[in-house]
């Protein structure tokens, strides 16, 4: 797995154990213009060259937009979502790559089914594919951090609602996951460095603020 930040690539080699739980075998970070080439070298040294690679886009390279779920076949959902978001983005819809995620609905609900449209510029995807081929990194998928965090939350058994708060190096991300699917996500400017360096009183205030945001989102 490769996560792209603004100036760095973070990589992890993950293996699924017999019980289905993931195990991190190695991880590393790479900076600079040649980060992808350095990552490819690291993979070869680790003996993982033949493994499939999955990329997470930088948070500034995509949007998650709430929409009404298109009433079309699953194979046509992304195309239908493209035209629902055309007035929400600042570039032509035919220059966008769009995926559509259905939000779970309560049994017997009469409300219109909701969905989340994940939108990025096609040029962003094309550029990553070109860079990966040049570095001989075979990308199996291009995804977003929110869905990677959703996958972690979905490891817990049952269909209960799960709130996952990830305090990262650049930002904090809050997810609500129900029935194994992403229902909503929010970002906050707070990061791990701020929490680690804050005074005890300031840290308590920051944690209280986060707790309030979790409660509001859950409500």
C-alpha atoms as a PDB file:
ATOM      1  CA  UNK A   1       0.000   0.000   0.000  1.00  0.00           C
ATOM      2  CA  UNK A   2       1.218   3.487  -0.904  1.00  0.00           C
ATOM      3  CA  UNK A   3      -0.234   6.675   0.588  1.00  0.00           C
ATOM      4  CA  UNK A   4       0.562   9.939  -1.205  1.00  0.00           C
ATOM      5  CA  UNK A   5       0.962  13.071   0.900  1.00  0.00           C
ATOM      6  CA  UNK A   6       1.820  16.491  -0.491  1.00  0.00           C
ATOM      7  CA  UNK A   7       5.608  15.925  -0.317  1.00  0.00           C
ATOM      8  CA  UNK A   8       6.010  12.289   0.689  1.00  0.00           C
ATOM      9  CA  UNK A   9       5.064   8.723  -0.173  1.00  0.00           C
ATOM     10  CA  UNK A  10       4.327   6.392   2.747  1.00  0.00           C
ATOM     11  CA  UNK A  11       4.486   2.675   1.954  1.00  0.00           C
ATOM     12  CA  UNK A  12       3.564  -0.467   3.841  1.00  0.00           C
ATOM     13  CA  UNK A  13       3.798  -4.146   2.943  1.00  0.00           C
ATOM     14  CA  UNK A  14       0.799  -5.938   4.432  1.00  0.00           C
ATOM     15  CA  UNK A  15       0.118  -9.659   4.488  1.00  0.00           C
ATOM     16  CA  UNK A  16      -3.134 -11.364   5.421  1.00  0.00           C
ATOM     17  CA  UNK A  17      -2.766 -14.073   8.026  1.00  0.00           C
ATOM     18  CA  UNK A  18      -4.660 -17.353   8.038  1.00  0.00           C
ATOM     19  CA  UNK A  19      -7.326 -15.816  10.301  1.00  0.00           C
ATOM     20  CA  UNK A  20      -7.896 -13.043   7.725  1.00  0.00           C
ATOM     21  CA  UNK A  21      -6.402 -10.260   9.837  1.00  0.00           C
ATOM     22  CA  UNK A  22      -3.747  -8.063   8.192  1.00  0.00           C
ATOM     23  CA  UNK A  23      -0.167  -7.968   9.435  1.00  0.00           C
ATOM     24  CA  UNK A  24       2.232  -5.132   8.623  1.00  0.00           C
ATOM     25  CA  UNK A  25       5.512  -6.700   7.459  1.00  0.00           C
ATOM     26  CA  UNK A  26       7.427  -3.482   6.711  1.00  0.00           C
ATOM     27  CA  UNK A  27       6.856   0.242   6.268  1.00  0.00           C
ATOM     28  CA  UNK A  28       8.889   3.212   5.043  1.00  0.00           C
ATOM     29  CA  UNK A  29       8.579   6.823   3.880  1.00  0.00           C
ATOM     30  CA  UNK A  30      10.115   8.420   0.787  1.00  0.00           C
ATOM     31  CA  UNK A  31      10.605  12.124   0.056  1.00  0.00           C
ATOM     32  CA  UNK A  32      11.525  14.169  -2.999  1.00  0.00           C
ATOM     33  CA  UNK A  33      10.996  14.057  -6.745  1.00  0.00           C
ATOM     34  CA  UNK A  34      12.348  10.507  -7.036  1.00  0.00           C
ATOM     35  CA  UNK A  35      10.233   9.083  -4.207  1.00  0.00           C
ATOM     36  CA  UNK A  36       8.435   6.575  -6.429  1.00  0.00           C
ATOM     37  CA  UNK A  37      11.708   5.229  -7.847  1.00  0.00           C
ATOM     38  CA  UNK A  38      13.110   4.922  -4.313  1.00  0.00           C
ATOM     39  CA  UNK A  39       9.960   3.093  -3.259  1.00  0.00           C
ATOM     40  CA  UNK A  40      10.329   0.669  -6.176  1.00  0.00           C
ATOM     41  CA  UNK A  41      13.911  -0.078  -5.120  1.00  0.00           C
ATOM     42  CA  UNK A  42      12.784  -0.664  -1.540  1.00  0.00           C
ATOM     43  CA  UNK A  43      10.099  -3.103  -2.722  1.00  0.00           C
ATOM     44  CA  UNK A  44      12.654  -5.085  -4.728  1.00  0.00           C
ATOM     45  CA  UNK A  45      14.979  -5.247  -1.731  1.00  0.00           C
ATOM     46  CA  UNK A  46      12.085  -6.550   0.350  1.00  0.00           C
ATOM     47  CA  UNK A  47      11.294  -9.233  -2.207  1.00  0.00           C
ATOM     48  CA  UNK A  48       7.853  -7.785  -2.861  1.00  0.00           C
ATOM     49  CA  UNK A  49       8.285  -6.712  -6.469  1.00  0.00           C
ATOM     50  CA  UNK A  50       5.609  -9.104  -7.719  1.00  0.00           C
ATOM     51  CA  UNK A  51       3.039  -8.028  -5.142  1.00  0.00           C
ATOM     52  CA  UNK A  52       0.157  -5.841  -6.261  1.00  0.00           C
ATOM     53  CA  UNK A  53       0.385  -2.199  -5.206  1.00  0.00           C
ATOM     54  CA  UNK A  54      -2.516  -0.046  -4.063  1.00  0.00           C
ATOM     55  CA  UNK A  55      -2.269   3.761  -4.070  1.00  0.00           C
ATOM     56  CA  UNK A  56      -4.144   6.214  -1.838  1.00  0.00           C
ATOM     57  CA  UNK A  57      -4.503   9.686  -3.335  1.00  0.00           C
ATOM     58  CA  UNK A  58      -3.409  12.815  -1.527  1.00  0.00           C
ATOM     59  CA  UNK A  59      -6.359  14.445   0.268  1.00  0.00           C
ATOM     60  CA  UNK A  60      -6.087  17.590  -1.888  1.00  0.00           C
ATOM     61  CA  UNK A  61      -6.517  15.605  -5.126  1.00  0.00           C
ATOM     62  CA  UNK A  62     -10.151  14.506  -4.752  1.00  0.00           C
ATOM     63  CA  UNK A  63     -13.535  15.419  -3.308  1.00  0.00           C
ATOM     64  CA  UNK A  64     -16.238  13.363  -1.577  1.00  0.00           C
ATOM     65  CA  UNK A  65     -19.638  14.812  -2.463  1.00  0.00           C
ATOM     66  CA  UNK A  66     -23.005  13.677  -1.015  1.00  0.00           C
ATOM     67  CA  UNK A  67     -25.650  13.058  -3.681  1.00  0.00           C
ATOM     68  CA  UNK A  68     -28.947  11.275  -4.121  1.00  0.00           C
ATOM     69  CA  UNK A  69     -28.259   7.729  -5.239  1.00  0.00           C
ATOM     70  CA  UNK A  70     -28.823   7.284  -8.996  1.00  0.00           C
ATOM     71  CA  UNK A  71     -31.628   4.813  -9.682  1.00  0.00           C
ATOM     72  CA  UNK A  72     -29.706   2.854 -12.293  1.00  0.00           C
ATOM     73  CA  UNK A  73     -27.936  -0.494 -12.544  1.00  0.00           C
ATOM     74  CA  UNK A  74     -24.709  -0.827 -10.545  1.00  0.00           C
ATOM     75  CA  UNK A  75     -22.634  -0.832 -13.735  1.00  0.00           C
ATOM     76  CA  UNK A  76     -24.095   2.562 -14.703  1.00  0.00           C
ATOM     77  CA  UNK A  77     -23.931   4.180 -11.271  1.00  0.00           C
ATOM     78  CA  UNK A  78     -20.594   5.970 -11.692  1.00  0.00           C
ATOM     79  CA  UNK A  79     -21.612   7.451 -15.041  1.00  0.00           C
ATOM     80  CA  UNK A  80     -24.895   8.690 -13.594  1.00  0.00           C
ATOM     81  CA  UNK A  81     -23.110  10.185 -10.590  1.00  0.00           C
ATOM     82  CA  UNK A  82     -20.831  12.144 -12.928  1.00  0.00           C
ATOM     83  CA  UNK A  83     -23.764  14.260 -14.119  1.00  0.00           C
ATOM     84  CA  UNK A  84     -25.078  14.739 -10.598  1.00  0.00           C
ATOM     85  CA  UNK A  85     -21.807  16.379  -9.539  1.00  0.00           C
ATOM     86  CA  UNK A  86     -21.166  18.439 -12.677  1.00  0.00           C
ATOM     87  CA  UNK A  87     -22.344  21.641 -10.989  1.00  0.00           C
ATOM     88  CA  UNK A  88     -20.395  20.893  -7.778  1.00  0.00           C
ATOM     89  CA  UNK A  89     -16.909  20.828  -9.329  1.00  0.00           C
ATOM     90  CA  UNK A  90     -14.873  23.620 -10.930  1.00  0.00           C
ATOM     91  CA  UNK A  91     -13.845  21.703 -14.069  1.00  0.00           C
ATOM     92  CA  UNK A  92     -15.815  19.950 -16.846  1.00  0.00           C
ATOM     93  CA  UNK A  93     -17.512  16.701 -15.824  1.00  0.00           C
ATOM     94  CA  UNK A  94     -16.011  14.842 -18.784  1.00  0.00           C
ATOM     95  CA  UNK A  95     -12.541  15.594 -17.333  1.00  0.00           C
ATOM     96  CA  UNK A  96     -13.409  13.886 -14.053  1.00  0.00           C
ATOM     97  CA  UNK A  97     -12.980  10.345 -12.780  1.00  0.00           C
ATOM     98  CA  UNK A  98     -15.994   9.493 -10.627  1.00  0.00           C
ATOM     99  CA  UNK A  99     -16.964   6.582  -8.417  1.00  0.00           C
ATOM    100  CA  UNK A 100     -20.246   6.222  -6.538  1.00  0.00           C
ATOM    101  CA  UNK A 101     -20.632   4.638  -3.098  1.00  0.00           C
ATOM    102  CA  UNK A 102     -24.096   3.806  -1.792  1.00  0.00           C
ATOM    103  CA  UNK A 103     -24.823   4.761   1.815  1.00  0.00           C
ATOM    104  CA  UNK A 104     -26.668   1.953   3.661  1.00  0.00           C
ATOM    105  CA  UNK A 105     -30.354   2.590   4.266  1.00  0.00           C
ATOM    106  CA  UNK A 106     -32.393   1.506   7.274  1.00  0.00           C
ATOM    107  CA  UNK A 107     -34.869  -1.301   6.623  1.00  0.00           C
ATOM    108  CA  UNK A 108     -38.262   0.079   5.660  1.00  0.00           C
ATOM    109  CA  UNK A 109     -36.928   3.619   5.210  1.00  0.00           C
ATOM    110  CA  UNK A 110     -38.938   5.765   2.783  1.00  0.00           C
ATOM    111  CA  UNK A 111     -36.207   8.391   2.468  1.00  0.00           C
ATOM    112  CA  UNK A 112     -34.408   8.808  -0.846  1.00  0.00           C
ATOM    113  CA  UNK A 113     -31.333   6.591  -0.938  1.00  0.00           C
ATOM    114  CA  UNK A 114     -28.137   8.568  -0.461  1.00  0.00           C
ATOM    115  CA  UNK A 115     -24.714   8.072  -2.010  1.00  0.00           C
ATOM    116  CA  UNK A 116     -21.199   9.510  -1.925  1.00  0.00           C
ATOM    117  CA  UNK A 117     -19.502  10.529  -5.160  1.00  0.00           C
ATOM    118  CA  UNK A 118     -15.696  10.392  -5.118  1.00  0.00           C
ATOM    119  CA  UNK A 119     -14.374  12.790  -7.752  1.00  0.00           C
ATOM    120  CA  UNK A 120     -10.877  13.537  -9.019  1.00  0.00           C
ATOM    121  CA  UNK A 121      -9.424  14.972 -12.195  1.00  0.00           C
ATOM    122  CA  UNK A 122      -8.663  12.413 -14.882  1.00  0.00           C
ATOM    123  CA  UNK A 123      -5.257  14.078 -15.341  1.00  0.00           C
ATOM    124  CA  UNK A 124      -4.391  13.114 -11.751  1.00  0.00           C
ATOM    125  CA  UNK A 125      -5.075   9.432 -12.424  1.00  0.00           C
ATOM    126  CA  UNK A 126      -3.262   9.482 -15.777  1.00  0.00           C
ATOM    127  CA  UNK A 127      -0.208  11.111 -14.180  1.00  0.00           C
ATOM    128  CA  UNK A 128      -0.027   8.489 -11.414  1.00  0.00           C
ATOM    129  CA  UNK A 129      -0.347   5.647 -13.911  1.00  0.00           C
ATOM    130  CA  UNK A 130       2.450   7.110 -16.053  1.00  0.00           C
ATOM    131  CA  UNK A 131       4.747   7.647 -13.055  1.00  0.00           C
ATOM    132  CA  UNK A 132       4.072   4.139 -11.788  1.00  0.00           C
ATOM    133  CA  UNK A 133       4.852   2.521 -15.133  1.00  0.00           C
ATOM    134  CA  UNK A 134       8.082   4.501 -15.348  1.00  0.00           C
ATOM    135  CA  UNK A 135       9.089   3.309 -11.869  1.00  0.00           C
ATOM    136  CA  UNK A 136       7.944  -0.265 -12.688  1.00  0.00           C
ATOM    137  CA  UNK A 137       5.342  -0.228  -9.916  1.00  0.00           C
ATOM    138  CA  UNK A 138       2.276  -2.154 -11.062  1.00  0.00           C
ATOM    139  CA  UNK A 139      -0.739  -0.369  -9.582  1.00  0.00           C
ATOM    140  CA  UNK A 140      -3.651  -2.689  -8.830  1.00  0.00           C
ATOM    141  CA  UNK A 141      -5.944   0.098  -7.607  1.00  0.00           C
ATOM    142  CA  UNK A 142      -6.128   3.829  -6.900  1.00  0.00           C
ATOM    143  CA  UNK A 143      -8.202   4.607  -3.830  1.00  0.00           C
ATOM    144  CA  UNK A 144      -8.682   7.265  -1.138  1.00  0.00           C
ATOM    145  CA  UNK A 145      -7.643   7.282   2.546  1.00  0.00           C
ATOM    146  CA  UNK A 146     -11.241   7.388   3.789  1.00  0.00           C
ATOM    147  CA  UNK A 147     -11.965   4.034   2.159  1.00  0.00           C
ATOM    148  CA  UNK A 148      -8.740   2.527   3.485  1.00  0.00           C
ATOM    149  CA  UNK A 149      -9.845   3.583   6.983  1.00  0.00           C
ATOM    150  CA  UNK A 150     -13.306   2.182   6.220  1.00  0.00           C
ATOM    151  CA  UNK A 151     -11.642  -1.146   5.432  1.00  0.00           C
ATOM    152  CA  UNK A 152      -9.988  -1.118   8.860  1.00  0.00           C
ATOM    153  CA  UNK A 153     -13.258  -0.342  10.614  1.00  0.00           C
ATOM    154  CA  UNK A 154     -15.009  -3.088   8.637  1.00  0.00           C
ATOM    155  CA  UNK A 155     -12.680  -5.696  10.191  1.00  0.00           C
ATOM    156  CA  UNK A 156     -14.795  -5.498  13.349  1.00  0.00           C
ATOM    157  CA  UNK A 157     -17.586  -8.108  13.327  1.00  0.00           C
ATOM    158  CA  UNK A 158     -21.282  -7.285  13.099  1.00  0.00           C
ATOM    159  CA  UNK A 159     -23.371  -4.575  11.482  1.00  0.00           C
ATOM    160  CA  UNK A 160     -23.135  -2.019  14.278  1.00  0.00           C
ATOM    161  CA  UNK A 161     -22.236   1.601  13.616  1.00  0.00           C
ATOM    162  CA  UNK A 162     -18.534   2.334  14.095  1.00  0.00           C
ATOM    163  CA  UNK A 163     -16.983   5.749  14.625  1.00  0.00           C
ATOM    164  CA  UNK A 164     -13.300   5.860  13.663  1.00  0.00           C
ATOM    165  CA  UNK A 165     -11.164   8.891  14.472  1.00  0.00           C
ATOM    166  CA  UNK A 166      -7.747   8.900  12.774  1.00  0.00           C
ATOM    167  CA  UNK A 167      -5.300  11.537  14.039  1.00  0.00           C
ATOM    168  CA  UNK A 168      -2.648  11.771  11.326  1.00  0.00           C
ATOM    169  CA  UNK A 169       0.505  13.782  10.710  1.00  0.00           C
ATOM    170  CA  UNK A 170      -1.319  16.337   8.543  1.00  0.00           C
ATOM    171  CA  UNK A 171      -4.966  16.194   9.635  1.00  0.00           C
ATOM    172  CA  UNK A 172      -7.591  14.327  11.612  1.00  0.00           C
ATOM    173  CA  UNK A 173     -10.241  12.295   9.807  1.00  0.00           C
ATOM    174  CA  UNK A 174     -13.539  11.183  11.317  1.00  0.00           C
ATOM    175  CA  UNK A 175     -15.515   8.348   9.730  1.00  0.00           C
ATOM    176  CA  UNK A 176     -18.892   6.820  10.434  1.00  0.00           C
ATOM    177  CA  UNK A 177     -19.172   3.235   9.147  1.00  0.00           C
ATOM    178  CA  UNK A 178     -22.372   1.172   9.201  1.00  0.00           C
ATOM    179  CA  UNK A 179     -22.898  -2.312   7.787  1.00  0.00           C
ATOM    180  CA  UNK A 180     -19.302  -2.200   6.595  1.00  0.00           C
ATOM    181  CA  UNK A 181     -19.933   0.871   4.408  1.00  0.00           C
ATOM    182  CA  UNK A 182     -18.841   4.489   4.671  1.00  0.00           C
ATOM    183  CA  UNK A 183     -21.742   6.733   5.697  1.00  0.00           C
ATOM    184  CA  UNK A 184     -19.961  10.038   6.142  1.00  0.00           C
ATOM    185  CA  UNK A 185     -16.495  11.505   6.680  1.00  0.00           C
ATOM    186  CA  UNK A 186     -15.112  14.788   7.980  1.00  0.00           C
ATOM    187  CA  UNK A 187     -11.656  16.348   8.147  1.00  0.00           C
ATOM    188  CA  UNK A 188     -10.186  18.613  10.842  1.00  0.00           C
ATOM    189  CA  UNK A 189      -7.000  20.692  10.796  1.00  0.00           C
ATOM    190  CA  UNK A 190      -5.835  19.171  14.075  1.00  0.00           C
ATOM    191  CA  UNK A 191      -2.852  16.811  13.710  1.00  0.00           C
ATOM    192  CA  UNK A 192      -0.805  14.455  15.876  1.00  0.00           C
ATOM    193  CA  UNK A 193       2.052  16.952  16.323  1.00  0.00           C
ATOM    194  CA  UNK A 194      -0.305  19.508  17.851  1.00  0.00           C
ATOM    195  CA  UNK A 195      -1.641  16.928  20.310  1.00  0.00           C
ATOM    196  CA  UNK A 196       1.830  15.701  21.266  1.00  0.00           C
ATOM    197  CA  UNK A 197       3.258  19.186  21.879  1.00  0.00           C
ATOM    198  CA  UNK A 198       0.223  20.785  23.534  1.00  0.00           C
ATOM    199  CA  UNK A 199       0.189  21.470  27.259  1.00  0.00           C
ATOM    200  CA  UNK A 200      -1.959  19.105  29.335  1.00  0.00           C
ATOM    201  CA  UNK A 201      -4.699  21.730  29.579  1.00  0.00           C
ATOM    202  CA  UNK A 202      -4.638  22.502  25.845  1.00  0.00           C
ATOM    203  CA  UNK A 203      -4.579  18.802  24.973  1.00  0.00           C
ATOM    204  CA  UNK A 204      -7.646  18.193  27.126  1.00  0.00           C
ATOM    205  CA  UNK A 205      -9.458  21.026  25.347  1.00  0.00           C
ATOM    206  CA  UNK A 206      -8.526  19.606  21.926  1.00  0.00           C
ATOM    207  CA  UNK A 207      -9.740  16.134  22.901  1.00  0.00           C
ATOM    208  CA  UNK A 208     -12.991  17.564  24.253  1.00  0.00           C
ATOM    209  CA  UNK A 209     -13.500  19.381  20.946  1.00  0.00           C
ATOM    210  CA  UNK A 210     -12.920  16.168  19.028  1.00  0.00           C
ATOM    211  CA  UNK A 211     -15.320  14.296  21.298  1.00  0.00           C
ATOM    212  CA  UNK A 212     -17.999  16.918  20.641  1.00  0.00           C
ATOM    213  CA  UNK A 213     -17.488  16.622  16.873  1.00  0.00           C
ATOM    214  CA  UNK A 214     -17.814  12.831  17.069  1.00  0.00           C
ATOM    215  CA  UNK A 215     -21.085  13.210  19.017  1.00  0.00           C
ATOM    216  CA  UNK A 216     -22.463  15.775  16.563  1.00  0.00           C
ATOM    217  CA  UNK A 217     -21.606  13.617  13.567  1.00  0.00           C
ATOM    218  CA  UNK A 218     -23.119  10.517  15.179  1.00  0.00           C
ATOM    219  CA  UNK A 219     -26.333  12.441  15.899  1.00  0.00           C
END
